[in-house]
Protein backbone atom coordinates (compact mmCIF):
# COMPACT_ATOMS: atom_id res chain seq x y z
CA MET A 1 112.23 94.91 68.84
CA THR A 2 113.81 94.22 72.23
CA ALA A 3 111.28 93.72 75.01
CA ALA A 4 111.08 96.59 77.48
CA THR A 5 112.73 95.97 80.85
CA THR A 6 111.59 99.14 82.63
CA VAL A 7 108.30 100.95 83.11
CA TYR A 8 109.62 103.97 81.21
CA ALA A 9 110.70 101.78 78.28
CA ARG A 10 107.25 100.14 78.15
CA PHE A 11 105.61 103.57 78.13
CA HIS A 12 108.04 104.91 75.50
CA ASP A 13 107.37 101.98 73.16
CA THR A 14 103.60 102.24 73.55
CA ALA A 15 103.62 106.02 73.15
CA LEU A 16 105.53 105.82 69.88
CA ARG A 17 103.09 103.22 68.60
CA ARG A 18 99.88 104.88 69.80
CA GLY A 19 100.75 108.53 69.12
CA GLU A 20 97.65 110.70 69.39
CA ALA A 21 95.50 107.96 70.93
CA GLY A 22 94.21 108.73 74.42
CA PHE A 23 96.28 107.60 77.41
CA LEU A 24 94.91 109.37 80.51
CA ASN A 25 91.39 110.78 80.60
CA VAL A 26 90.45 113.51 83.10
CA LEU A 27 86.71 113.94 83.61
CA ALA A 28 85.20 117.36 84.29
CA GLU A 29 84.22 116.42 87.85
CA THR A 30 87.75 115.25 88.68
CA ALA A 31 89.27 118.30 86.98
CA GLY A 32 87.07 120.60 89.05
CA ILE A 33 88.03 118.89 92.30
CA TYR A 34 91.73 118.94 91.49
CA GLY A 35 91.81 122.31 89.76
CA ILE A 36 93.36 120.87 86.60
CA THR A 37 92.41 120.73 82.93
CA ALA A 38 89.75 118.24 81.83
CA GLY A 39 90.08 116.11 78.74
CA GLU A 40 92.06 113.29 77.21
CA ILE A 41 95.86 113.34 77.38
CA SER A 42 97.33 111.53 74.38
CA TYR A 43 100.29 109.18 74.51
CA ARG A 44 102.33 111.64 72.45
CA THR A 45 101.52 114.58 74.73
CA MET A 46 102.44 112.58 77.82
CA LEU A 47 105.68 111.42 76.18
CA ASP A 48 106.64 115.05 75.50
CA ARG A 49 105.93 115.95 79.13
CA VAL A 50 107.89 112.98 80.43
CA GLU A 51 110.91 113.81 78.26
CA ARG A 52 110.97 117.41 79.50
CA ARG A 53 110.81 116.20 83.09
CA ARG A 54 113.53 113.62 82.46
CA THR A 55 115.87 116.30 81.11
CA ALA A 56 115.19 118.51 84.14
CA PHE A 57 115.85 115.70 86.63
CA ALA A 58 118.99 114.61 84.80
CA SER A 59 120.37 118.16 84.90
CA LYS A 60 120.05 118.11 88.70
CA GLY A 61 121.92 114.84 89.13
CA TYR A 62 119.07 112.43 89.85
CA GLY A 63 120.01 108.79 89.35
CA GLU A 64 119.83 105.23 90.58
CA GLY A 65 119.83 105.08 94.38
CA HIS A 66 117.62 108.15 94.77
CA ARG A 67 114.02 108.00 95.92
CA VAL A 68 111.44 110.74 95.36
CA GLY A 69 108.20 111.04 97.31
CA LEU A 70 104.98 111.76 95.41
CA LEU A 71 101.99 113.16 97.31
CA LEU A 72 99.85 114.12 94.34
CA GLN A 73 96.68 112.00 94.60
CA ASN A 74 95.44 110.68 91.23
CA ARG A 75 96.59 113.63 89.15
CA PRO A 76 98.21 112.86 85.78
CA VAL A 77 101.37 114.62 86.96
CA PHE A 78 101.99 111.66 89.29
CA VAL A 79 102.40 109.44 86.23
CA GLU A 80 104.43 112.09 84.42
CA LEU A 81 106.96 112.35 87.26
CA TRP A 82 107.07 108.60 87.86
CA PHE A 83 107.94 107.76 84.26
CA ALA A 84 110.53 110.55 84.01
CA LEU A 85 112.28 109.42 87.19
CA ASN A 86 112.10 105.77 86.16
CA ALA A 87 113.96 106.66 82.96
CA LEU A 88 116.94 107.66 85.15
CA GLY A 89 116.80 104.65 87.50
CA VAL A 90 115.15 106.66 90.31
CA SER A 91 112.55 105.03 92.57
CA VAL A 92 109.34 106.76 93.65
CA VAL A 93 107.61 106.64 97.03
CA PRO A 94 103.86 107.18 96.60
CA ILE A 95 102.46 108.92 99.70
CA ASN A 96 98.91 108.45 100.90
CA PRO A 97 97.53 112.02 101.19
CA ASP A 98 95.53 110.99 104.26
CA LEU A 99 98.72 110.49 106.27
CA ARG A 100 99.49 113.04 108.96
CA MET A 101 102.55 114.35 110.77
CA SER A 102 103.91 111.34 112.65
CA GLU A 103 103.22 109.05 109.68
CA LEU A 104 104.93 111.42 107.25
CA GLU A 105 107.94 111.69 109.53
CA TYR A 106 108.30 107.92 109.60
CA ILE A 107 108.04 107.42 105.82
CA ILE A 108 110.46 110.26 105.01
CA ALA A 109 113.05 108.92 107.44
CA HIS A 110 112.58 105.23 106.72
CA SER A 111 112.59 105.54 102.94
CA GLU A 112 115.54 107.97 102.97
CA MET A 113 113.85 109.83 100.14
CA ASN A 114 115.87 112.61 98.53
CA ALA A 115 113.05 114.98 97.51
CA ALA A 116 109.27 115.14 97.51
CA PHE A 117 106.70 116.56 95.08
CA VAL A 118 103.53 117.37 96.98
CA LEU A 119 100.26 119.26 96.77
CA ALA A 120 100.73 122.98 97.42
CA GLU A 121 98.48 122.86 100.48
CA ARG A 122 100.58 120.10 102.04
CA ARG A 123 104.00 121.61 101.40
CA ASP A 124 104.49 123.26 104.79
CA GLU A 125 103.34 120.14 106.64
CA VAL A 126 105.66 117.82 104.70
CA GLU A 127 108.58 120.23 105.14
CA THR A 128 107.94 120.25 108.89
CA ALA A 129 107.74 116.46 108.95
CA ALA A 130 111.04 116.26 107.08
CA ARG A 131 112.75 118.59 109.58
CA GLN A 132 111.37 116.61 112.50
CA ALA A 133 112.60 113.44 110.84
CA VAL A 134 116.05 115.06 110.69
CA ARG A 135 116.04 114.67 106.91
CA PRO A 136 115.45 118.17 105.49
CA ILE A 137 114.73 117.14 101.92
CA PRO A 138 113.54 119.67 99.33
CA VAL A 139 109.73 119.68 99.24
CA VAL A 140 108.26 121.25 96.10
CA THR A 141 105.09 121.32 94.02
CA ASP A 142 104.85 120.01 90.48
CA SER A 143 104.97 123.58 89.13
CA ASP A 144 108.31 124.36 90.81
CA ASP A 145 111.72 123.86 89.26
CA VAL A 146 113.34 120.52 90.00
CA PRO A 147 115.46 120.93 93.16
CA ALA A 148 118.87 119.39 93.75
CA ALA A 149 118.50 116.01 95.44
CA PHE A 150 119.17 115.83 99.17
CA GLY A 151 122.39 113.92 99.74
CA GLY A 152 124.02 114.81 96.44
CA ALA A 153 123.99 113.56 92.87
CA GLN A 154 123.87 109.95 91.67
CA ALA A 155 124.71 108.45 88.30
CA ALA A 156 121.64 108.01 86.09
CA THR A 157 121.05 104.58 84.56
CA THR A 158 118.48 103.16 82.18
CA GLY A 159 117.87 100.41 84.72
CA ASP A 160 116.52 96.94 84.06
CA GLY A 161 113.96 94.51 85.42
CA ALA A 162 115.77 94.18 88.75
CA THR A 163 116.04 97.94 89.36
CA GLU A 164 113.89 99.33 92.16
CA CYS A 165 110.93 101.15 90.61
CA ALA A 166 108.80 102.08 93.63
CA LEU A 167 108.61 101.75 97.38
CA LEU A 168 105.03 101.13 98.57
CA TYR A 169 104.16 101.16 102.24
CA THR A 170 101.73 98.58 103.54
CA SER A 171 100.24 98.15 107.02
CA GLY A 172 101.42 95.23 109.11
CA THR A 173 100.84 93.97 112.62
CA THR A 174 104.04 95.34 114.13
CA GLY A 175 102.81 98.90 114.34
CA GLN A 176 104.80 100.74 111.70
CA PRO A 177 104.09 100.24 107.98
CA LYS A 178 106.54 98.10 106.04
CA GLY A 179 108.14 99.41 102.86
CA CYS A 180 107.71 96.95 99.98
CA VAL A 181 110.53 97.29 97.46
CA LEU A 182 109.00 96.80 94.00
CA THR A 183 111.10 96.35 90.88
CA ASN A 184 110.47 97.18 87.23
CA GLU A 185 109.85 93.48 86.71
CA TYR A 186 107.03 93.61 89.28
CA PHE A 187 105.21 96.34 87.33
CA LEU A 188 105.88 94.95 83.86
CA HIS A 189 104.70 91.49 84.81
CA SER A 190 101.51 92.94 86.30
CA GLY A 191 100.69 94.61 83.00
CA ASN A 192 101.63 91.47 81.07
CA TRP A 193 99.45 89.28 83.29
CA TYR A 194 96.36 91.41 82.73
CA ARG A 195 97.09 91.70 79.01
CA ASP A 196 97.40 87.93 78.59
CA VAL A 197 95.11 86.30 81.20
CA GLY A 198 91.96 86.30 79.05
CA GLY A 199 88.68 84.74 80.09
CA LEU A 200 86.05 87.11 81.43
CA ILE A 201 88.61 89.90 81.89
CA ASP A 202 90.08 89.66 78.40
CA LEU A 203 91.48 93.03 77.31
CA LYS A 204 91.35 94.22 73.73
CA LEU A 205 94.46 95.69 72.14
CA GLU A 206 94.39 99.43 71.40
CA GLY A 207 90.83 100.31 72.27
CA GLU A 208 90.19 99.38 75.89
CA ARG A 209 88.95 102.11 78.24
CA MET A 210 89.23 101.51 81.99
CA ILE A 211 87.92 103.61 84.88
CA THR A 212 89.15 103.33 88.46
CA PRO A 213 88.45 105.30 91.65
CA LEU A 214 91.29 103.53 93.46
CA PRO A 215 94.36 105.55 94.55
CA LEU A 216 97.74 105.51 92.81
CA PHE A 217 99.51 104.97 96.13
CA HIS A 218 98.06 101.42 96.11
CA MET A 219 99.36 98.63 93.91
CA ASN A 220 95.95 98.06 92.32
CA ALA A 221 95.79 101.37 90.47
CA MET A 222 99.53 101.84 90.04
CA ALA A 223 100.60 98.33 89.06
CA VAL A 224 97.40 96.75 87.75
CA SER A 225 95.11 99.39 86.19
CA LEU A 226 97.80 101.72 84.84
CA MET A 227 100.18 99.01 83.67
CA ALA A 228 97.33 97.08 82.04
CA MET A 229 96.27 100.05 79.93
CA LEU A 230 99.89 100.85 79.14
CA SER A 231 100.43 97.25 78.03
CA VAL A 232 97.45 97.16 75.63
CA GLY A 233 97.63 100.79 74.52
CA GLY A 234 94.36 101.67 76.24
CA SER A 235 93.01 104.73 78.02
CA LEU A 236 92.71 105.06 81.80
CA THR A 237 90.27 107.34 83.63
CA MET A 238 91.39 107.92 87.22
CA LEU A 239 88.87 109.53 89.57
CA ASP A 240 89.92 111.36 92.71
CA ARG A 241 87.86 108.79 94.66
CA PHE A 242 84.60 106.88 94.52
CA HIS A 243 81.54 109.18 94.36
CA PRO A 244 78.42 106.99 94.60
CA ARG A 245 75.99 109.64 93.33
CA SER A 246 77.97 110.54 90.21
CA TRP A 247 79.61 107.15 89.58
CA TRP A 248 77.44 106.03 86.68
CA GLN A 249 77.69 109.43 85.02
CA SER A 250 81.47 109.14 85.28
CA VAL A 251 81.28 105.67 83.73
CA LEU A 252 79.24 107.05 80.85
CA ASP A 253 81.40 110.13 80.36
CA SER A 254 84.58 108.04 80.34
CA ARG A 255 83.12 105.59 77.79
CA ALA A 256 84.57 102.86 80.00
CA THR A 257 84.67 99.28 78.75
CA CYS A 258 85.88 97.91 82.10
CA LEU A 259 86.18 99.11 85.68
CA HIS A 260 87.91 98.32 88.94
CA TYR A 261 86.07 98.14 92.25
CA LEU A 262 86.35 97.44 95.97
CA GLY A 263 83.71 95.52 97.87
CA VAL A 264 82.22 98.66 99.41
CA MET A 265 81.29 100.05 95.98
CA PRO A 266 78.66 97.50 94.89
CA SER A 267 76.98 97.79 98.29
CA MET A 268 76.64 101.55 97.94
CA LEU A 269 75.50 101.38 94.32
CA MET A 270 72.85 98.78 95.12
CA SER A 271 71.38 101.02 97.83
CA ALA A 272 70.30 103.56 95.16
CA PRO A 273 66.83 103.13 93.61
CA ALA A 274 66.73 100.97 90.48
CA SER A 275 66.53 102.88 87.21
CA GLU A 276 65.91 102.20 83.55
CA GLN A 277 69.36 103.70 83.00
CA ASP A 278 71.14 101.03 85.07
CA LYS A 279 72.28 99.14 81.97
CA VAL A 280 72.97 102.16 79.78
CA HIS A 281 76.76 101.85 79.65
CA THR A 282 79.51 100.08 77.68
CA VAL A 283 81.13 98.16 80.56
CA ARG A 284 81.95 94.50 79.82
CA PHE A 285 83.26 93.58 83.28
CA GLY A 286 84.32 94.82 86.69
CA PHE A 287 87.48 93.50 88.36
CA GLY A 288 88.04 93.70 92.10
CA ALA A 289 87.54 92.01 95.44
CA GLY A 290 85.29 91.84 98.45
CA VAL A 291 81.82 92.13 96.95
CA ASP A 292 79.10 91.14 99.42
CA LYS A 293 78.21 87.59 98.39
CA LEU A 294 74.52 88.29 98.93
CA LEU A 295 74.67 91.27 96.56
CA HIS A 296 76.89 89.71 93.90
CA ALA A 297 74.20 88.11 91.75
CA PRO A 298 71.63 90.92 92.21
CA PHE A 299 74.25 93.48 91.15
CA GLU A 300 75.14 91.60 87.99
CA GLN A 301 71.48 91.13 87.09
CA ARG A 302 70.66 94.78 87.68
CA PHE A 303 73.64 96.39 85.97
CA GLY A 304 74.31 93.82 83.29
CA PHE A 305 77.98 92.90 83.66
CA PRO A 306 80.02 90.46 85.78
CA LEU A 307 82.04 91.40 88.85
CA ILE A 308 85.19 89.28 88.69
CA GLU A 309 86.53 88.58 92.16
CA ALA A 310 90.29 88.21 92.60
CA TRP A 311 92.93 87.91 95.28
CA ALA A 312 96.36 89.54 95.50
CA MET A 313 98.37 91.71 97.86
CA THR A 314 101.15 94.26 97.54
CA GLU A 315 103.72 91.58 98.31
CA THR A 316 102.51 89.19 95.59
CA GLY A 317 101.82 91.70 92.85
CA SER A 318 100.41 89.84 89.89
CA GLY A 319 103.06 87.15 90.36
CA GLY A 320 100.71 85.40 92.75
CA VAL A 321 97.32 86.76 91.70
CA ILE A 322 94.32 84.41 91.72
CA ALA A 323 91.13 85.38 89.88
CA ALA A 324 87.70 83.93 89.14
CA ASN A 325 88.01 84.91 85.49
CA VAL A 326 86.42 81.75 84.07
CA GLU A 327 83.10 80.08 84.70
CA PRO A 328 81.76 78.72 86.96
CA ARG A 329 82.48 81.62 89.31
CA LYS A 330 80.26 80.31 92.11
CA ILE A 331 78.50 83.63 92.62
CA GLY A 332 76.91 83.99 96.05
CA THR A 333 79.88 82.41 97.80
CA SER A 334 83.25 83.89 98.80
CA CYS A 335 84.95 82.18 95.83
CA PHE A 336 87.84 84.02 94.17
CA GLY A 337 88.75 81.34 91.65
CA ARG A 338 91.59 78.88 91.45
CA PRO A 339 95.31 79.41 90.85
CA ALA A 340 96.60 79.29 87.28
CA ALA A 341 99.30 76.79 86.37
CA GLU A 342 102.06 79.34 86.98
CA VAL A 343 101.04 79.90 90.63
CA ASP A 344 101.66 77.27 93.32
CA ILE A 345 99.65 77.36 96.54
CA ARG A 346 99.36 75.55 99.84
CA ILE A 347 96.72 75.87 102.54
CA VAL A 348 98.22 75.04 105.94
CA ASP A 349 97.11 74.75 109.54
CA GLU A 350 98.88 76.32 112.52
CA THR A 351 101.48 73.55 112.55
CA GLY A 352 102.35 74.06 108.90
CA ASN A 353 100.63 70.92 107.66
CA ASP A 354 98.40 70.96 104.58
CA THR A 355 94.70 71.08 105.40
CA ALA A 356 92.08 68.74 104.01
CA THR A 357 89.61 69.84 101.35
CA GLY A 358 87.07 72.22 102.87
CA THR A 359 89.19 72.89 105.96
CA PRO A 360 90.32 76.51 106.37
CA GLY A 361 93.98 77.37 106.70
CA GLU A 362 96.53 80.04 105.84
CA LEU A 363 97.15 80.60 102.14
CA LEU A 364 100.78 80.23 101.04
CA VAL A 365 101.77 81.19 97.49
CA ARG A 366 104.78 81.23 95.20
CA ARG A 367 105.57 81.32 91.53
CA ALA A 368 105.83 77.90 89.87
CA GLY A 369 109.11 77.16 88.11
CA ALA A 370 112.70 78.20 88.66
CA ASP A 371 112.05 81.60 90.29
CA PRO A 372 109.46 81.35 93.09
CA ARG A 373 109.57 85.13 93.65
CA TYR A 374 109.03 86.23 90.05
CA GLY A 375 106.57 89.14 89.95
CA PHE A 376 106.54 89.42 93.76
CA PHE A 377 108.03 92.19 95.92
CA ARG A 378 111.78 92.08 96.35
CA GLU A 379 111.99 92.71 100.10
CA TYR A 380 110.78 94.76 103.03
CA LEU A 381 113.13 97.74 103.16
CA LYS A 382 115.58 97.55 106.09
CA ASN A 383 113.74 94.56 107.52
CA PRO A 384 115.44 91.31 106.49
CA GLN A 385 113.86 89.46 109.40
CA ALA A 386 110.31 90.32 108.25
CA THR A 387 111.26 89.42 104.67
CA ALA A 388 112.61 86.04 105.80
CA GLU A 389 109.51 85.40 107.91
CA ALA A 390 107.23 86.25 104.98
CA TRP A 391 109.12 83.73 102.80
CA ASP A 392 109.60 81.06 105.48
CA GLY A 393 110.11 77.69 103.84
CA GLY A 394 110.19 79.17 100.35
CA TRP A 395 106.51 80.15 100.34
CA LEU A 396 105.01 83.62 100.82
CA HIS A 397 102.87 83.48 103.95
CA THR A 398 99.88 85.68 103.17
CA GLY A 399 98.17 85.81 106.56
CA ASP A 400 94.82 85.18 104.84
CA ILE A 401 92.67 82.22 105.84
CA VAL A 402 91.03 80.42 102.93
CA SER A 403 89.52 77.04 102.12
CA ARG A 404 89.62 74.93 98.96
CA ASP A 405 86.49 73.12 97.79
CA ALA A 406 86.27 69.78 96.01
CA ASP A 407 86.56 71.50 92.61
CA GLY A 408 89.81 73.21 93.57
CA ASP A 409 88.27 76.67 93.90
CA LEU A 410 89.40 78.91 96.74
CA HIS A 411 87.08 80.69 99.16
CA PHE A 412 88.09 83.58 101.41
CA VAL A 413 87.38 82.97 105.11
CA ASP A 414 89.11 85.54 107.30
CA ARG A 415 92.40 87.34 108.02
CA LYS A 416 94.91 85.71 110.28
CA LYS A 417 96.76 88.91 111.01
CA ASN A 418 95.30 91.45 113.36
CA VAL A 419 94.47 93.85 110.57
CA ILE A 420 91.28 95.87 110.29
CA ARG A 421 90.19 96.20 106.67
CA ARG A 422 88.03 99.29 106.27
CA SER A 423 86.87 100.21 102.76
CA GLY A 424 89.90 98.54 101.23
CA GLU A 425 92.42 100.11 103.63
CA ASN A 426 94.49 97.81 105.86
CA ILE A 427 94.78 99.23 109.38
CA ALA A 428 97.15 97.74 111.96
CA ALA A 429 95.43 97.74 115.35
CA VAL A 430 98.70 98.19 117.23
CA GLU A 431 99.54 101.28 115.16
CA VAL A 432 96.24 102.90 116.17
CA GLU A 433 96.76 101.83 119.79
CA SER A 434 100.22 103.38 119.91
CA VAL A 435 98.74 106.73 118.86
CA LEU A 436 95.72 106.56 121.18
CA ASN A 437 97.93 105.74 124.14
CA ARG A 438 99.61 109.14 123.74
CA HIS A 439 96.34 110.96 124.50
CA PRO A 440 96.58 112.48 128.00
CA ALA A 441 93.12 111.20 129.01
CA ILE A 442 93.87 107.59 128.04
CA ARG A 443 95.58 105.12 130.37
CA GLN A 444 95.41 102.22 127.93
CA ALA A 445 93.63 101.54 124.64
CA ALA A 446 92.92 98.37 122.73
CA VAL A 447 91.66 98.32 119.16
CA ALA A 448 89.84 95.66 117.17
CA ALA A 449 87.65 95.33 114.11
CA THR A 450 83.90 95.42 114.38
CA PRO A 451 81.65 94.57 111.42
CA ASP A 452 80.32 97.46 109.35
CA GLN A 453 77.63 96.90 106.71
CA VAL A 454 79.06 99.51 104.35
CA ARG A 455 82.81 99.48 104.97
CA GLY A 456 83.45 95.83 105.85
CA ASP A 457 85.20 96.59 109.13
CA GLU A 458 85.24 99.65 111.38
CA VAL A 459 87.77 100.58 114.06
CA ALA A 460 86.49 99.93 117.58
CA ALA A 461 88.53 101.23 120.52
CA VAL A 462 88.10 99.99 124.09
CA ILE A 463 89.67 102.52 126.43
CA ILE A 464 90.63 102.74 130.10
CA ALA A 465 90.43 106.44 130.94
CA GLU A 466 92.82 108.17 133.33
CA GLU A 467 89.93 109.57 135.37
CA ALA A 468 86.42 108.42 136.21
CA GLY A 469 83.41 109.92 134.51
CA ALA A 470 84.48 109.37 130.90
CA ASP A 471 81.56 110.24 128.65
CA ARG A 472 80.60 110.92 125.03
CA ARG A 473 82.23 114.35 125.11
CA LEU A 474 85.60 112.75 125.90
CA ALA A 475 85.02 110.11 123.23
CA GLU A 476 84.40 112.84 120.64
CA ASP A 477 87.50 114.70 121.81
CA ILE A 478 89.58 111.55 121.35
CA VAL A 479 88.33 111.03 117.79
CA ARG A 480 88.94 114.67 116.82
CA TRP A 481 92.42 114.47 118.30
CA SER A 482 93.04 111.19 116.47
CA LEU A 483 92.12 112.79 113.16
CA GLU A 484 95.04 115.20 113.64
CA GLN A 485 97.47 112.40 114.40
CA MET A 486 96.74 109.79 111.72
CA ALA A 487 94.84 109.09 108.53
CA TYR A 488 91.13 109.60 109.06
CA TYR A 489 90.21 105.98 108.32
CA LYS A 490 92.44 104.76 111.17
CA ALA A 491 90.65 106.85 113.82
CA PRO A 492 88.13 105.01 116.02
CA GLY A 493 84.58 104.91 114.71
CA TRP A 494 83.36 103.36 117.95
CA ILE A 495 84.65 104.06 121.49
CA CYS A 496 83.78 102.32 124.74
CA PHE A 497 85.18 103.17 128.17
CA VAL A 498 85.94 100.21 130.45
CA ASP A 499 87.64 99.48 133.76
CA SER A 500 89.87 96.68 132.47
CA LEU A 501 91.01 94.95 129.28
CA PRO A 502 91.55 91.27 128.48
CA LEU A 503 95.29 90.77 128.99
CA THR A 504 97.71 87.87 128.80
CA ALA A 505 99.89 86.73 131.69
CA THR A 506 102.61 89.05 130.37
CA GLU A 507 100.23 92.03 130.36
CA LYS A 508 99.84 92.05 126.58
CA ILE A 509 96.43 92.50 124.98
CA GLN A 510 94.76 89.14 124.48
CA ARG A 511 93.74 89.49 120.85
CA GLY A 512 91.30 86.60 120.69
CA GLY A 513 89.67 87.65 123.93
CA LEU A 514 89.52 91.28 122.77
CA LYS A 515 87.49 90.36 119.72
CA ASP A 516 84.89 88.59 121.88
CA PHE A 517 85.03 91.44 124.43
CA VAL A 518 84.26 94.02 121.75
CA ALA A 519 81.43 91.92 120.32
CA ARG A 520 79.84 91.56 123.76
CA LEU A 521 80.12 95.27 124.57
CA MET A 522 78.72 96.14 121.14
CA HIS A 523 75.77 93.82 121.76
CA ASP A 524 75.17 95.50 125.11
CA GLY A 525 75.12 98.97 123.51
CA ALA A 526 78.15 100.15 125.48
CA PHE A 527 79.91 101.86 122.57
CA PHE A 528 79.56 105.46 121.45
CA ASP A 529 78.95 105.61 117.70
CA LEU A 530 81.33 108.27 116.34
CA ARG A 531 81.51 107.23 112.71
CA ASP A 532 80.02 110.52 111.53
CA LEU A 533 83.14 112.34 112.79
CA LYS A 534 85.46 110.32 110.52
CA LYS A 535 85.99 112.60 107.54
CA ARG A 536 89.02 113.37 105.44
CA GLN A 537 90.93 116.31 106.86
CA VAL A 538 91.32 119.25 104.51
């Protein structure tokens, strides 16, 4: 049998082989939140749904060169639409449901998407964003008939490994998110890597059951979790999000054999009282990143399975993934393993020279062998300069500072880029600043990360107000206004009003000085704590 070269072909082959075996599992809690049917969706049932969708899209002229936005959270219909479109050579643009008007406008315009399938309650907003972006695409729900694609028909193709499969947006330091063009090869290799890597995260063929609370608009759930289960014929339980109080019940109900996590999850789970039921589950391992090194060993002892730390980013996919999937894992440190033979790395200082053992530097990665970009993103859409900068010298510059110990294991140190990482979300400080500076009461705003025990980082904003007498009421008004302008996690959790900001000679914000400035003001108790206002907008 010829090896599959597209995501749809991989799914089709697995579905024919697995038949009535479970593919996607919807728990009762998730079904209630989403208003959908609970239960297991078999491979055969999903294949039937995908084929019906494919026929409908084909009849409306969808083909290679089209892009379709998906704002559907972790509903199974996301997967259904993705696979059907992929069968015709169409790319999908997963949309973070937390994005608001200005962010939606940007993504619709920048991606040049031709249609969007969205939640019913977001339809009007997305239609408005499309009009304001001067790209009036059809915006429909998954229960509507397939609309004609904006811009006219394109020829459908079966596609191959090089065909664009998805466009994922990732935060950068230049303000606007960058669109990572991801090919079929990117997704297929990610599934293959997980299927074949072995060690402590060895997956069993045709019987594995994975649970993840991570969103499908991130590469982890879309390219790693989903493609892994597709590649071994397993079943995936996707939650709407992480619910600490019901998490273990969800694990039990899903009959999960493995799970995916973010660093914030173990911290929250460890804060609950210990119970005799803590080890009553069938989980063999957890796979993720960012666990608190002081909680790593206690978590494993309490719950009875290892948390396997790994490193990757949207740009690397699994082509450059590094994981601590073999012993010794050096629990209690920031170790995330060592690169496998197929991944080359360098750790360099600011001049581009390799650092000595134990000396931190920026991590550079590439694929070993003839194709250094195999399994990585293809490019940043419409941004050849950023793509070239990312691959300067033939190595992907990650922006992450790491060190290598005498054994060759890598340890995470810090982020070089000015990115705030809150509960697994990357937030560009300059993007938040550009929004805050539009508020009529703000003369200038500067944003930096401040440590948060639960979420890793929190957004701290230092603001020069237009008028004297700025107080907590104004700070609360700014946060509430921010929640209407951007995703809730980007809004400031802390606000401090000041008379001046640390600036460079060219009147730019002095980033290094800002970090120290924020730390000093936080120590002095000058910030208003507004974290309780940061909630998802309904």
